[in-house]
Amino acid sequence: MLAYLRRRTSNAEVAADLMAETFAAALLALHEHTSPADVEVPVAWLFGIARNKLFESYRRGRVEAVARQRLGLEPLVLDDRDLALVDELSETEVVRALADVLPPDQLEAIRLRIIDERDYDAIARELGCSEAVVRKRVSRGLATLRARVEPMR
């Protein structure tokens, strides 16, 4: 999550704030109106929250701390070492972790669709296949990830 947000923000501190707000909002949602059973793909659900928080921060010109305040969390304080660690994160680490679980075609489709947020038709053109094939690869990849997460619940 942090790598995703870092790639889309101006600095490491903003990415860390967004990540903290994302997880706080997720905790509130689970407590108030969403049960874990309602969340079909937890990772995709969290990325959706992160994306919404990111867009809100663009619109407002700052990262909100509403969810963290509602939970009574202290403001996030990072030192230079923490910020350097955030900056070291990259999509490569995420992709490497997924590569241990997914076949290359599904990994590439998920990377382009979920991480890079590209449209199915653009992905199909890039990969030289149909949009339906791309959708199936993403679906199968997410099903594989879901199956890996299910036993942990």
N, C-alpha and C. Protein backbone atom coordinates (compact mmCIF):
# COMPACT_ATOMS: atom_id res chain seq x y z
N MET A 1 0.83 -1.18 0.00
CA MET A 1 0.00 0.00 0.00
C MET A 1 0.87 1.25 0.00
N LEU A 2 1.91 1.22 0.83
CA LEU A 2 2.79 2.39 0.92
C LEU A 2 3.51 2.64 -0.40
N ALA A 3 3.95 1.58 -1.05
CA ALA A 3 4.63 1.73 -2.35
C ALA A 3 3.67 2.32 -3.38
N TYR A 4 2.45 1.86 -3.38
CA TYR A 4 1.43 2.38 -4.30
C TYR A 4 1.24 3.88 -4.10
N LEU A 5 1.08 4.28 -2.85
CA LEU A 5 0.85 5.70 -2.54
C LEU A 5 2.09 6.54 -2.80
N ARG A 6 3.26 5.98 -2.53
CA ARG A 6 4.50 6.74 -2.75
C ARG A 6 4.70 7.07 -4.22
N ARG A 7 4.34 6.13 -5.08
CA ARG A 7 4.49 6.37 -6.52
C ARG A 7 3.58 7.48 -7.01
N ARG A 8 2.54 7.80 -6.25
CA ARG A 8 1.55 8.77 -6.72
C ARG A 8 1.54 10.09 -5.95
N THR A 9 2.48 10.26 -5.04
CA THR A 9 2.50 11.47 -4.24
C THR A 9 3.81 12.23 -4.40
N SER A 10 3.80 13.44 -3.86
CA SER A 10 4.96 14.32 -4.00
C SER A 10 6.10 13.96 -3.06
N ASN A 11 5.80 13.30 -1.95
CA ASN A 11 6.89 12.94 -1.03
C ASN A 11 6.49 11.79 -0.12
N ALA A 12 7.47 11.28 0.59
CA ALA A 12 7.29 10.11 1.44
C ALA A 12 6.36 10.39 2.61
N GLU A 13 6.43 11.59 3.16
CA GLU A 13 5.58 11.92 4.30
C GLU A 13 4.10 11.93 3.92
N VAL A 14 3.79 12.47 2.77
CA VAL A 14 2.41 12.48 2.28
C VAL A 14 1.92 11.05 2.07
N ALA A 15 2.78 10.20 1.49
CA ALA A 15 2.40 8.80 1.27
C ALA A 15 2.13 8.09 2.60
N ALA A 16 2.97 8.32 3.59
CA ALA A 16 2.78 7.70 4.90
C ALA A 16 1.49 8.19 5.55
N ASP A 17 1.21 9.49 5.46
CA ASP A 17 -0.04 10.03 6.00
C ASP A 17 -1.25 9.39 5.32
N LEU A 18 -1.18 9.28 4.00
CA LEU A 18 -2.28 8.67 3.25
C LEU A 18 -2.48 7.21 3.65
N MET A 19 -1.38 6.49 3.84
CA MET A 19 -1.50 5.09 4.23
C MET A 19 -2.14 4.98 5.61
N ALA A 20 -1.71 5.82 6.54
CA ALA A 20 -2.29 5.78 7.89
C ALA A 20 -3.78 6.09 7.84
N GLU A 21 -4.16 7.09 7.05
CA GLU A 21 -5.57 7.45 6.93
C GLU A 21 -6.37 6.34 6.24
N THR A 22 -5.75 5.68 5.27
CA THR A 22 -6.41 4.57 4.57
C THR A 22 -6.75 3.44 5.54
N PHE A 23 -5.78 3.03 6.34
CA PHE A 23 -6.03 1.93 7.27
C PHE A 23 -6.98 2.33 8.39
N ALA A 24 -6.92 3.57 8.82
CA ALA A 24 -7.87 4.04 9.83
C ALA A 24 -9.28 4.02 9.26
N ALA A 25 -9.44 4.50 8.02
CA ALA A 25 -10.76 4.48 7.38
C ALA A 25 -11.27 3.06 7.20
N ALA A 26 -10.38 2.14 6.86
CA ALA A 26 -10.77 0.73 6.71
C ALA A 26 -11.25 0.16 8.04
N LEU A 27 -10.53 0.46 9.11
CA LEU A 27 -10.95 -0.02 10.43
C LEU A 27 -12.33 0.53 10.81
N LEU A 28 -12.53 1.81 10.56
CA LEU A 28 -13.84 2.41 10.85
C LEU A 28 -14.94 1.76 10.01
N ALA A 29 -14.67 1.54 8.74
CA ALA A 29 -15.67 0.93 7.87
C ALA A 29 -16.03 -0.47 8.35
N LEU A 30 -15.04 -1.25 8.74
CA LEU A 30 -15.31 -2.60 9.23
C LEU A 30 -16.11 -2.57 10.53
N HIS A 31 -15.81 -1.59 11.36
CA HIS A 31 -16.50 -1.48 12.64
C HIS A 31 -17.92 -0.96 12.48
N GLU A 32 -18.12 -0.01 11.57
CA GLU A 32 -19.40 0.68 11.48
C GLU A 32 -20.41 0.04 10.54
N HIS A 33 -19.98 -0.41 9.36
CA HIS A 33 -21.00 -0.87 8.42
C HIS A 33 -20.56 -1.92 7.43
N THR A 34 -19.35 -2.36 7.49
CA THR A 34 -18.89 -3.39 6.56
C THR A 34 -18.36 -4.56 7.36
N SER A 35 -18.86 -5.74 7.08
CA SER A 35 -18.30 -6.91 7.77
C SER A 35 -17.19 -7.48 6.89
N PRO A 36 -16.21 -8.14 7.50
CA PRO A 36 -15.14 -8.74 6.70
C PRO A 36 -15.67 -9.69 5.63
N ALA A 37 -16.81 -10.32 5.88
CA ALA A 37 -17.38 -11.25 4.90
C ALA A 37 -17.88 -10.51 3.66
N ASP A 38 -18.18 -9.21 3.81
CA ASP A 38 -18.65 -8.41 2.67
C ASP A 38 -17.53 -7.99 1.74
N VAL A 39 -16.30 -8.11 2.21
CA VAL A 39 -15.15 -7.67 1.42
C VAL A 39 -14.62 -8.86 0.65
N GLU A 40 -14.97 -8.91 -0.64
CA GLU A 40 -14.62 -10.07 -1.47
C GLU A 40 -13.11 -10.20 -1.68
N VAL A 41 -12.46 -9.11 -2.03
CA VAL A 41 -11.01 -9.10 -2.23
C VAL A 41 -10.43 -8.00 -1.34
N PRO A 42 -9.96 -8.36 -0.15
CA PRO A 42 -9.51 -7.35 0.81
C PRO A 42 -8.46 -6.39 0.26
N VAL A 43 -7.52 -6.89 -0.50
CA VAL A 43 -6.47 -6.02 -1.04
C VAL A 43 -7.07 -5.00 -2.00
N ALA A 44 -7.95 -5.42 -2.87
CA ALA A 44 -8.58 -4.49 -3.80
C ALA A 44 -9.43 -3.47 -3.05
N TRP A 45 -10.11 -3.90 -2.01
CA TRP A 45 -10.92 -3.00 -1.18
C TRP A 45 -10.03 -1.93 -0.56
N LEU A 46 -8.89 -2.34 0.01
CA LEU A 46 -7.97 -1.38 0.61
C LEU A 46 -7.40 -0.42 -0.43
N PHE A 47 -7.05 -0.94 -1.60
CA PHE A 47 -6.55 -0.06 -2.66
C PHE A 47 -7.62 0.94 -3.08
N GLY A 48 -8.87 0.53 -3.07
CA GLY A 48 -9.96 1.45 -3.40
C GLY A 48 -10.06 2.58 -2.38
N ILE A 49 -9.93 2.24 -1.11
CA ILE A 49 -9.94 3.26 -0.06
C ILE A 49 -8.75 4.19 -0.24
N ALA A 50 -7.57 3.61 -0.50
CA ALA A 50 -6.36 4.42 -0.68
C ALA A 50 -6.52 5.37 -1.86
N ARG A 51 -7.08 4.86 -2.92
CA ARG A 51 -7.28 5.70 -4.12
C ARG A 51 -8.23 6.86 -3.81
N ASN A 52 -9.31 6.58 -3.08
CA ASN A 52 -10.24 7.64 -2.70
C ASN A 52 -9.56 8.68 -1.80
N LYS A 53 -8.76 8.21 -0.85
CA LYS A 53 -8.04 9.14 0.03
C LYS A 53 -7.04 9.98 -0.76
N LEU A 54 -6.40 9.36 -1.73
CA LEU A 54 -5.45 10.07 -2.58
C LEU A 54 -6.16 11.17 -3.38
N PHE A 55 -7.29 10.83 -4.00
CA PHE A 55 -8.03 11.82 -4.78
C PHE A 55 -8.57 12.94 -3.89
N GLU A 56 -9.03 12.59 -2.68
CA GLU A 56 -9.48 13.62 -1.74
C GLU A 56 -8.34 14.58 -1.41
N SER A 57 -7.15 14.02 -1.22
CA SER A 57 -6.00 14.88 -0.87
C SER A 57 -5.64 15.80 -2.03
N TYR A 58 -5.77 15.32 -3.26
CA TYR A 58 -5.52 16.20 -4.42
C TYR A 58 -6.54 17.33 -4.43
N ARG A 59 -7.79 16.98 -4.22
CA ARG A 59 -8.87 17.97 -4.29
C ARG A 59 -8.75 19.02 -3.18
N ARG A 60 -8.42 18.57 -1.98
CA ARG A 60 -8.36 19.48 -0.83
C ARG A 60 -7.00 20.17 -0.69
N GLY A 61 -5.99 19.61 -1.33
CA GLY A 61 -4.65 20.18 -1.20
C GLY A 61 -3.93 19.75 0.06
N ARG A 62 -4.47 18.76 0.75
CA ARG A 62 -3.84 18.24 1.97
C ARG A 62 -4.42 16.86 2.28
N VAL A 63 -3.73 16.13 3.13
CA VAL A 63 -4.21 14.83 3.57
C VAL A 63 -5.08 15.04 4.80
N GLU A 64 -6.30 14.57 4.74
CA GLU A 64 -7.20 14.66 5.89
C GLU A 64 -6.78 13.64 6.96
N ALA A 65 -7.16 13.92 8.20
CA ALA A 65 -6.86 13.00 9.30
C ALA A 65 -8.14 12.63 10.05
N VAL A 66 -9.27 12.71 9.36
CA VAL A 66 -10.57 12.50 9.99
C VAL A 66 -10.68 11.11 10.62
N ALA A 67 -10.35 10.07 9.87
CA ALA A 67 -10.48 8.70 10.38
C ALA A 67 -9.52 8.47 11.54
N ARG A 68 -8.31 8.97 11.42
CA ARG A 68 -7.33 8.81 12.51
C ARG A 68 -7.80 9.53 13.77
N GLN A 69 -8.38 10.72 13.60
CA GLN A 69 -8.88 11.47 14.76
C GLN A 69 -10.05 10.75 15.41
N ARG A 70 -10.95 10.18 14.58
CA ARG A 70 -12.09 9.44 15.13
C ARG A 70 -11.64 8.23 15.94
N LEU A 71 -10.51 7.65 15.54
CA LEU A 71 -9.97 6.50 16.28
C LEU A 71 -9.08 6.93 17.45
N GLY A 72 -8.84 8.23 17.57
CA GLY A 72 -7.99 8.74 18.65
C GLY A 72 -6.51 8.47 18.45
N LEU A 73 -6.10 8.33 17.19
CA LEU A 73 -4.70 8.06 16.90
C LEU A 73 -3.87 9.34 16.95
N GLU A 74 -2.65 9.20 17.42
CA GLU A 74 -1.72 10.32 17.46
C GLU A 74 -1.30 10.69 16.04
N PRO A 75 -0.94 11.94 15.80
CA PRO A 75 -0.42 12.32 14.48
C PRO A 75 0.83 11.50 14.14
N LEU A 76 0.98 11.20 12.88
CA LEU A 76 2.10 10.42 12.41
C LEU A 76 3.35 11.30 12.38
N VAL A 77 4.41 10.84 13.05
CA VAL A 77 5.67 11.58 13.08
C VAL A 77 6.77 10.66 12.54
N LEU A 78 7.39 11.09 11.45
CA LEU A 78 8.44 10.30 10.82
C LEU A 78 9.75 11.07 10.87
N ASP A 79 10.84 10.37 11.17
CA ASP A 79 12.14 11.03 11.12
C ASP A 79 12.77 10.79 9.75
N ASP A 80 13.95 11.33 9.54
CA ASP A 80 14.61 11.21 8.23
C ASP A 80 14.85 9.76 7.83
N ARG A 81 15.16 8.92 8.79
CA ARG A 81 15.39 7.50 8.49
C ARG A 81 14.10 6.84 8.01
N ASP A 82 13.00 7.13 8.69
CA ASP A 82 11.70 6.59 8.27
C ASP A 82 11.36 7.02 6.85
N LEU A 83 11.57 8.30 6.57
CA LEU A 83 11.26 8.83 5.24
C LEU A 83 12.13 8.19 4.17
N ALA A 84 13.39 7.94 4.50
CA ALA A 84 14.28 7.27 3.55
C ALA A 84 13.80 5.85 3.25
N LEU A 85 13.30 5.16 4.28
CA LEU A 85 12.78 3.80 4.07
C LEU A 85 11.54 3.82 3.18
N VAL A 86 10.68 4.80 3.38
CA VAL A 86 9.50 4.92 2.52
C VAL A 86 9.94 5.13 1.08
N ASP A 87 10.93 5.99 0.87
CA ASP A 87 11.41 6.27 -0.48
C ASP A 87 12.04 5.06 -1.15
N GLU A 88 12.56 4.13 -0.38
CA GLU A 88 13.17 2.93 -0.95
C GLU A 88 12.15 1.95 -1.50
N LEU A 89 10.92 2.07 -1.04
CA LEU A 89 9.88 1.17 -1.53
C LEU A 89 9.63 1.41 -3.00
N SER A 90 9.28 0.34 -3.67
CA SER A 90 8.96 0.48 -5.10
C SER A 90 7.98 -0.60 -5.51
N GLU A 91 7.38 -0.39 -6.65
CA GLU A 91 6.46 -1.38 -7.21
C GLU A 91 7.17 -2.72 -7.39
N THR A 92 8.47 -2.66 -7.66
CA THR A 92 9.24 -3.87 -7.90
C THR A 92 9.09 -4.86 -6.74
N GLU A 93 9.10 -4.35 -5.51
CA GLU A 93 8.96 -5.23 -4.35
C GLU A 93 7.59 -5.89 -4.32
N VAL A 94 6.58 -5.13 -4.64
CA VAL A 94 5.22 -5.67 -4.67
C VAL A 94 5.12 -6.73 -5.76
N VAL A 95 5.62 -6.40 -6.94
CA VAL A 95 5.56 -7.33 -8.07
C VAL A 95 6.36 -8.59 -7.77
N ARG A 96 7.52 -8.44 -7.13
CA ARG A 96 8.32 -9.61 -6.76
C ARG A 96 7.56 -10.54 -5.83
N ALA A 97 6.86 -9.97 -4.86
CA ALA A 97 6.08 -10.79 -3.92
C ALA A 97 4.95 -11.52 -4.64
N LEU A 98 4.28 -10.83 -5.55
CA LEU A 98 3.19 -11.45 -6.30
C LEU A 98 3.70 -12.50 -7.28
N ALA A 99 4.93 -12.32 -7.77
CA ALA A 99 5.50 -13.26 -8.74
C ALA A 99 5.67 -14.65 -8.14
N ASP A 100 5.78 -14.74 -6.83
CA ASP A 100 5.89 -16.04 -6.18
C ASP A 100 4.57 -16.79 -6.18
N VAL A 101 3.47 -16.06 -6.42
CA VAL A 101 2.13 -16.64 -6.32
C VAL A 101 1.45 -16.80 -7.67
N LEU A 102 1.70 -15.87 -8.59
CA LEU A 102 0.94 -15.81 -9.84
C LEU A 102 1.77 -16.18 -11.06
N PRO A 103 1.13 -16.78 -12.07
CA PRO A 103 1.80 -17.00 -13.35
C PRO A 103 2.10 -15.64 -14.00
N PRO A 104 3.13 -15.58 -14.85
CA PRO A 104 3.54 -14.30 -15.45
C PRO A 104 2.43 -13.54 -16.19
N ASP A 105 1.56 -14.24 -16.93
CA ASP A 105 0.51 -13.53 -17.66
C ASP A 105 -0.50 -12.87 -16.73
N GLN A 106 -0.84 -13.54 -15.63
CA GLN A 106 -1.77 -12.97 -14.67
C GLN A 106 -1.10 -11.84 -13.88
N LEU A 107 0.16 -12.03 -13.54
CA LEU A 107 0.91 -11.00 -12.82
C LEU A 107 0.96 -9.71 -13.63
N GLU A 108 1.27 -9.82 -14.92
CA GLU A 108 1.36 -8.65 -15.78
C GLU A 108 0.00 -7.96 -15.91
N ALA A 109 -1.06 -8.73 -16.07
CA ALA A 109 -2.40 -8.15 -16.19
C ALA A 109 -2.80 -7.43 -14.91
N ILE A 110 -2.53 -8.03 -13.77
CA ILE A 110 -2.85 -7.39 -12.49
C ILE A 110 -1.99 -6.15 -12.27
N ARG A 111 -0.73 -6.22 -12.61
CA ARG A 111 0.15 -5.06 -12.46
C ARG A 111 -0.38 -3.88 -13.27
N LEU A 112 -0.73 -4.15 -14.53
CA LEU A 112 -1.20 -3.08 -15.40
C LEU A 112 -2.57 -2.55 -14.97
N ARG A 113 -3.46 -3.44 -14.54
CA ARG A 113 -4.83 -3.03 -14.19
C ARG A 113 -4.92 -2.44 -12.78
N ILE A 114 -4.38 -3.14 -11.79
CA ILE A 114 -4.55 -2.75 -10.39
C ILE A 114 -3.50 -1.73 -9.95
N ILE A 115 -2.25 -2.01 -10.21
CA ILE A 115 -1.19 -1.12 -9.74
C ILE A 115 -1.08 0.13 -10.61
N ASP A 116 -1.05 -0.06 -11.94
CA ASP A 116 -0.92 1.08 -12.84
C ASP A 116 -2.26 1.73 -13.19
N GLU A 117 -3.37 1.09 -12.81
CA GLU A 117 -4.72 1.60 -13.03
C GLU A 117 -5.02 1.91 -14.50
N ARG A 118 -4.60 1.03 -15.37
CA ARG A 118 -4.83 1.21 -16.81
C ARG A 118 -6.17 0.58 -17.20
N ASP A 119 -6.75 1.08 -18.29
CA ASP A 119 -8.01 0.54 -18.81
C ASP A 119 -7.76 -0.80 -19.49
N TYR A 120 -8.79 -1.64 -19.48
CA TYR A 120 -8.67 -2.97 -20.09
C TYR A 120 -8.30 -2.89 -21.58
N ASP A 121 -8.91 -1.95 -22.29
CA ASP A 121 -8.62 -1.87 -23.72
C ASP A 121 -7.16 -1.47 -23.99
N ALA A 122 -6.61 -0.57 -23.18
CA ALA A 122 -5.21 -0.16 -23.33
C ALA A 122 -4.28 -1.34 -23.01
N ILE A 123 -4.63 -2.10 -21.99
CA ILE A 123 -3.82 -3.27 -21.62
C ILE A 123 -3.85 -4.29 -22.75
N ALA A 124 -5.03 -4.53 -23.30
CA ALA A 124 -5.18 -5.50 -24.39
C ALA A 124 -4.30 -5.10 -25.59
N ARG A 125 -4.32 -3.82 -25.93
CA ARG A 125 -3.48 -3.35 -27.04
C ARG A 125 -2.00 -3.58 -26.73
N GLU A 126 -1.59 -3.26 -25.52
CA GLU A 126 -0.18 -3.43 -25.15
C GLU A 126 0.24 -4.89 -25.16
N LEU A 127 -0.63 -5.77 -24.67
CA LEU A 127 -0.28 -7.19 -24.58
C LEU A 127 -0.58 -7.96 -25.87
N GLY A 128 -1.26 -7.30 -26.80
CA GLY A 128 -1.57 -7.95 -28.07
C GLY A 128 -2.58 -9.07 -27.95
N CYS A 129 -3.59 -8.86 -27.12
CA CYS A 129 -4.65 -9.85 -26.95
C CYS A 129 -5.98 -9.11 -26.83
N SER A 130 -7.05 -9.85 -26.65
CA SER A 130 -8.37 -9.22 -26.54
C SER A 130 -8.60 -8.70 -25.12
N GLU A 131 -9.54 -7.79 -25.03
CA GLU A 131 -9.93 -7.25 -23.72
C GLU A 131 -10.48 -8.37 -22.83
N ALA A 132 -11.20 -9.31 -23.43
CA ALA A 132 -11.76 -10.43 -22.67
C ALA A 132 -10.65 -11.28 -22.05
N VAL A 133 -9.57 -11.48 -22.78
CA VAL A 133 -8.43 -12.25 -22.26
C VAL A 133 -7.81 -11.52 -21.06
N VAL A 134 -7.66 -10.20 -21.18
CA VAL A 134 -7.09 -9.42 -20.09
C VAL A 134 -7.99 -9.52 -18.86
N ARG A 135 -9.29 -9.37 -19.06
CA ARG A 135 -10.23 -9.46 -17.94
C ARG A 135 -10.14 -10.83 -17.27
N LYS A 136 -10.01 -11.88 -18.06
CA LYS A 136 -9.92 -13.24 -17.50
C LYS A 136 -8.63 -13.41 -16.70
N ARG A 137 -7.53 -12.87 -17.22
CA ARG A 137 -6.25 -12.97 -16.50
C ARG A 137 -6.32 -12.24 -15.15
N VAL A 138 -6.90 -11.06 -15.16
CA VAL A 138 -7.04 -10.30 -13.92
C VAL A 138 -7.94 -11.07 -12.95
N SER A 139 -9.06 -11.58 -13.46
CA SER A 139 -10.00 -12.33 -12.64
C SER A 139 -9.34 -13.56 -12.03
N ARG A 140 -8.63 -14.32 -12.84
CA ARG A 140 -7.95 -15.53 -12.34
C ARG A 140 -6.88 -15.18 -11.32
N GLY A 141 -6.13 -14.13 -11.60
CA GLY A 141 -5.08 -13.70 -10.66
C GLY A 141 -5.66 -13.29 -9.32
N LEU A 142 -6.73 -12.50 -9.35
CA LEU A 142 -7.37 -12.08 -8.11
C LEU A 142 -7.97 -13.27 -7.37
N ALA A 143 -8.51 -14.24 -8.12
CA ALA A 143 -9.06 -15.45 -7.49
C ALA A 143 -7.95 -16.23 -6.79
N THR A 144 -6.80 -16.29 -7.41
CA THR A 144 -5.65 -16.97 -6.80
C THR A 144 -5.24 -16.26 -5.51
N LEU A 145 -5.15 -14.95 -5.57
CA LEU A 145 -4.79 -14.18 -4.37
C LEU A 145 -5.85 -14.33 -3.28
N ARG A 146 -7.12 -14.31 -3.67
CA ARG A 146 -8.21 -14.48 -2.72
C ARG A 146 -8.10 -15.84 -2.05
N ALA A 147 -7.79 -16.88 -2.82
CA ALA A 147 -7.67 -18.24 -2.26
C ALA A 147 -6.52 -18.32 -1.26
N ARG A 148 -5.47 -17.54 -1.50
CA ARG A 148 -4.34 -17.51 -0.58
C ARG A 148 -4.70 -16.80 0.71
N VAL A 149 -5.57 -15.79 0.64
CA VAL A 149 -5.94 -15.00 1.80
C VAL A 149 -7.01 -15.71 2.62
N GLU A 150 -7.93 -16.41 1.98
CA GLU A 150 -9.04 -17.08 2.66
C GLU A 150 -8.60 -17.95 3.85
N PRO A 151 -7.57 -18.80 3.70
CA PRO A 151 -7.18 -19.64 4.84
C PRO A 151 -6.69 -18.82 6.03
N MET A 152 -6.26 -17.58 5.81
CA MET A 152 -5.76 -16.75 6.89
C MET A 152 -6.87 -16.12 7.71
N ARG A 153 -8.10 -16.14 7.21
CA ARG A 153 -9.22 -15.51 7.92
C ARG A 153 -9.65 -16.29 9.12
